[in-house]
């Protein structure tokens, strides 16, 4: 089922997902969000486009990092971890590193 918030987008792809382009994005945002974007971009001294691109990058970055770490963790081997820990010198923690 298509998201009802996207019903006004002019182009819907084969999967029923709105084709968002830089040209139509601002036209279909609620006025209140557009107003906030405009205000925040002005306060930051950047264009609306740069503000939006930065906001998207900030949202994508932690998601991509999580995917990367999950993929790495899925390849991890407990024995490799144990072997690495076995190489660490057995000594008391440094001052400030105690629990």
Protein backbone atom coordinates (compact mmCIF):
# COMPACT_ATOMS: atom_id res chain seq x y z
CA UNK A 1 0.00 0.00 0.00
CA UNK A 2 1.36 3.39 -0.93
CA UNK A 3 2.05 5.93 1.78
CA UNK A 4 -0.87 8.41 1.68
CA UNK A 5 1.54 11.28 2.35
CA UNK A 6 3.09 10.62 -1.07
CA UNK A 7 -0.15 10.59 -3.08
CA UNK A 8 0.51 14.07 -4.50
CA UNK A 9 3.88 13.18 -6.00
CA UNK A 10 3.54 13.30 -9.78
CA UNK A 11 5.77 10.32 -10.59
CA UNK A 12 5.36 6.91 -8.97
CA UNK A 13 7.84 4.17 -9.87
CA UNK A 14 7.02 0.51 -10.51
CA UNK A 15 7.17 -0.33 -6.80
CA UNK A 16 4.69 2.38 -5.91
CA UNK A 17 7.39 4.62 -4.47
CA UNK A 18 7.32 8.29 -5.29
CA UNK A 19 10.14 9.41 -7.52
CA UNK A 20 11.57 12.29 -5.55
CA UNK A 21 13.69 14.70 -7.50
CA UNK A 22 15.34 17.90 -6.35
CA UNK A 23 12.84 19.81 -8.50
CA UNK A 24 9.72 18.33 -6.93
CA UNK A 25 10.87 17.76 -3.36
CA UNK A 26 10.16 21.24 -2.01
CA UNK A 27 6.87 21.46 -3.88
CA UNK A 28 5.50 18.51 -1.94
CA UNK A 29 6.78 19.21 1.54
CA UNK A 30 4.28 20.52 4.05
CA UNK A 31 4.52 24.29 4.31
CA UNK A 32 5.59 24.12 7.96
CA UNK A 33 8.58 21.89 7.14
CA UNK A 34 9.53 24.05 4.16
CA UNK A 35 9.41 27.13 6.40
CA UNK A 36 11.68 25.44 8.98
CA UNK A 37 14.15 24.33 6.32
CA UNK A 38 14.29 27.82 4.88
CA UNK A 39 14.80 29.37 8.33
CA UNK A 40 17.46 26.88 9.45
CA UNK A 41 19.35 27.16 6.15
CA UNK A 42 19.35 30.95 6.44
CA UNK A 43 20.58 30.80 10.05
CA UNK A 44 23.37 28.41 8.99
CA UNK A 45 24.29 30.62 6.06
CA UNK A 46 23.81 27.85 3.50
CA UNK A 47 21.48 27.20 0.61
CA UNK A 48 18.30 25.22 1.12
CA UNK A 49 19.75 22.55 -1.18
CA UNK A 50 22.94 22.22 0.89
CA UNK A 51 20.92 22.12 4.11
CA UNK A 52 18.74 19.28 2.77
CA UNK A 53 21.71 17.33 1.40
CA UNK A 54 23.53 17.66 4.72
CA UNK A 55 20.45 16.57 6.68
CA UNK A 56 20.06 13.51 4.48
CA UNK A 57 23.76 12.64 4.83
CA UNK A 58 23.50 12.97 8.62
CA UNK A 59 20.56 10.57 8.64
CA UNK A 60 22.15 8.04 6.27
CA UNK A 61 25.55 7.95 7.97
CA UNK A 62 24.54 6.16 11.20
CA UNK A 63 22.31 3.77 9.26
CA UNK A 64 25.16 2.86 6.92
CA UNK A 65 27.53 2.51 9.88
CA UNK A 66 25.13 0.14 11.62
CA UNK A 67 24.84 -1.98 8.47
CA UNK A 68 28.63 -2.05 8.13
CA UNK A 69 29.15 -3.09 11.75
CA UNK A 70 26.47 -5.77 11.57
CA UNK A 71 28.08 -7.19 8.42
CA UNK A 72 31.50 -7.21 10.09
CA UNK A 73 30.08 -8.81 13.24
CA UNK A 74 28.43 -11.56 11.22
CA UNK A 75 31.86 -12.58 9.90
CA UNK A 76 33.51 -12.52 13.33
CA UNK A 77 34.78 -15.71 14.92
CA UNK A 78 34.77 -16.16 18.67
CA UNK A 79 38.06 -18.06 18.57
CA UNK A 80 39.80 -15.20 16.74
CA UNK A 81 38.58 -12.82 19.44
CA UNK A 82 39.80 -15.15 22.20
CA UNK A 83 43.19 -15.53 20.47
CA UNK A 84 43.57 -11.75 20.26
CA UNK A 85 42.65 -11.26 23.93
CA UNK A 86 45.14 -13.96 24.91
CA UNK A 87 47.93 -11.75 23.51
CA UNK A 88 47.11 -8.93 25.94
CA UNK A 89 49.39 -8.66 28.95
CA UNK A 90 47.73 -9.61 32.25
CA UNK A 91 48.25 -6.61 34.52
CA UNK A 92 46.22 -4.24 36.67
CA UNK A 93 44.49 -1.38 34.80
CA UNK A 94 46.19 1.98 34.54
CA UNK A 95 45.12 4.69 36.96
CA UNK A 96 41.81 6.08 35.76
CA UNK A 97 40.93 2.94 33.76
CA UNK A 98 39.58 1.01 36.73
CA UNK A 99 35.94 0.03 37.05
